[in-house]
Every structure is written in structure tokens, then in C-alpha cells.
Amino acid sequence: MLVVLAVVIGLASLTAIGEHRRGGRPAVVVIAGLFFPLAWIAWYAHDEQSPRRR
């Protein structure tokens, strides 16, 4: 149980850090950390629709 909690907290923290690096405001950073699977989906959808640089 403790390992699962540590993994979830780790993923949430890394997601919050990633959102901060993407320029998110503090409130958005916290929300992204709490709902990290949804943040990943939003990032994927945003990145797929952005023009690709080659």
C-alpha cells in the first residue's frame, strides 16, 4: 500500500513540475498534479494539434 501511495505521489509531483515548466499558473499546476492522468491526456491532445517543427 505504501509503495502504491509513493508511486502516485511521485507521478503527481512530476506532472506538477511538468506543468510548471510548460508555463502553467500556480492553480493550474496544483490541479494538474492532482489529476495527473487528465493532464497527460490534455498535453497529448495539445501537442498533437500543435504545428510540428522539423
C-alpha atoms as a PDB file:
ATOM      1  CA  MET A   1       0.000   0.000   0.000  1.00  0.00           C
ATOM      2  CA  LEU A   2       2.812   2.383   0.881  1.00  0.00           C
ATOM      3  CA  VAL A   3       4.558   1.683  -2.420  1.00  0.00           C
ATOM      4  CA  VAL A   4       1.412   2.484  -4.406  1.00  0.00           C
ATOM      5  CA  LEU A   5       0.978   5.734  -2.499  1.00  0.00           C
ATOM      6  CA  ALA A   6       4.612   6.657  -3.135  1.00  0.00           C
ATOM      7  CA  VAL A   7       4.211   5.983  -6.875  1.00  0.00           C
ATOM      8  CA  VAL A   8       1.030   8.085  -7.082  1.00  0.00           C
ATOM      9  CA  ILE A   9       2.631  10.963  -5.178  1.00  0.00           C
ATOM     10  CA  GLY A  10       5.714  10.724  -7.395  1.00  0.00           C
ATOM     11  CA  LEU A  11       3.692  10.829 -10.610  1.00  0.00           C
ATOM     12  CA  ALA A  12       1.583  13.711  -9.322  1.00  0.00           C
ATOM     13  CA  SER A  13       4.717  15.651  -8.357  1.00  0.00           C
ATOM     14  CA  LEU A  14       6.396  15.070 -11.709  1.00  0.00           C
ATOM     15  CA  THR A  15       3.224  16.142 -13.511  1.00  0.00           C
ATOM     16  CA  ALA A  16       3.022  19.339 -11.454  1.00  0.00           C
ATOM     17  CA  ILE A  17       6.665  20.084 -12.251  1.00  0.00           C
ATOM     18  CA  GLY A  18       5.997  19.446 -15.940  1.00  0.00           C
ATOM     19  CA  GLU A  19       3.026  21.781 -15.947  1.00  0.00           C
ATOM     20  CA  HIS A  20       5.119  24.444 -14.254  1.00  0.00           C
ATOM     21  CA  ARG A  21       7.787  24.074 -16.955  1.00  0.00           C
ATOM     22  CA  ARG A  22       5.067  24.419 -19.600  1.00  0.00           C
ATOM     23  CA  GLY A  23       4.188  27.808 -18.112  1.00  0.00           C
ATOM     24  CA  GLY A  24       1.136  26.919 -16.063  1.00  0.00           C
ATOM     25  CA  ARG A  25      -0.099  29.250 -13.344  1.00  0.00           C
ATOM     26  CA  PRO A  26       0.159  28.032  -9.737  1.00  0.00           C
ATOM     27  CA  ALA A  27      -3.501  26.981  -9.548  1.00  0.00           C
ATOM     28  CA  VAL A  28      -3.197  25.026 -12.812  1.00  0.00           C
ATOM     29  CA  VAL A  29      -0.009  23.373 -11.562  1.00  0.00           C
ATOM     30  CA  VAL A  30      -1.803  22.106  -8.454  1.00  0.00           C
ATOM     31  CA  ILE A  31      -4.798  20.869 -10.442  1.00  0.00           C
ATOM     32  CA  ALA A  32      -2.536  19.110 -12.963  1.00  0.00           C
ATOM     33  CA  GLY A  33      -0.745  17.377 -10.108  1.00  0.00           C
ATOM     34  CA  LEU A  34      -3.978  16.226  -8.507  1.00  0.00           C
ATOM     35  CA  PHE A  35      -5.492  14.999 -11.757  1.00  0.00           C
ATOM     36  CA  PHE A  36      -2.313  13.872 -13.485  1.00  0.00           C
ATOM     37  CA  PRO A  37      -3.829  11.311 -15.903  1.00  0.00           C
ATOM     38  CA  LEU A  38      -6.124  14.026 -17.265  1.00  0.00           C
ATOM     39  CA  ALA A  39      -3.182  16.412 -17.559  1.00  0.00           C
ATOM     40  CA  TRP A  40      -1.332  13.831 -19.646  1.00  0.00           C
ATOM     41  CA  ILE A  41      -4.321  13.484 -21.974  1.00  0.00           C
ATOM     42  CA  ALA A  42      -4.598  17.265 -22.314  1.00  0.00           C
ATOM     43  CA  TRP A  43      -0.873  17.578 -23.058  1.00  0.00           C
ATOM     44  CA  TYR A  44      -1.082  14.823 -25.681  1.00  0.00           C
ATOM     45  CA  ALA A  45      -4.087  16.403 -27.385  1.00  0.00           C
ATOM     46  CA  HIS A  46      -2.440  19.836 -27.340  1.00  0.00           C
ATOM     47  CA  ASP A  47       0.870  18.551 -28.670  1.00  0.00           C
ATOM     48  CA  GLU A  48      -0.792  16.556 -31.453  1.00  0.00           C
ATOM     49  CA  GLN A  49      -2.685  19.621 -32.694  1.00  0.00           C
ATOM     50  CA  SER A  50       0.290  21.965 -32.480  1.00  0.00           C
ATOM     51  CA  PRO A  51       2.244  22.536 -35.673  1.00  0.00           C
ATOM     52  CA  ARG A  52       5.246  20.264 -35.733  1.00  0.00           C
ATOM     53  CA  ARG A  53       8.684  21.691 -36.214  1.00  0.00           C
ATOM     54  CA  ARG A  54      11.083  19.752 -38.392  1.00  0.00           C
END
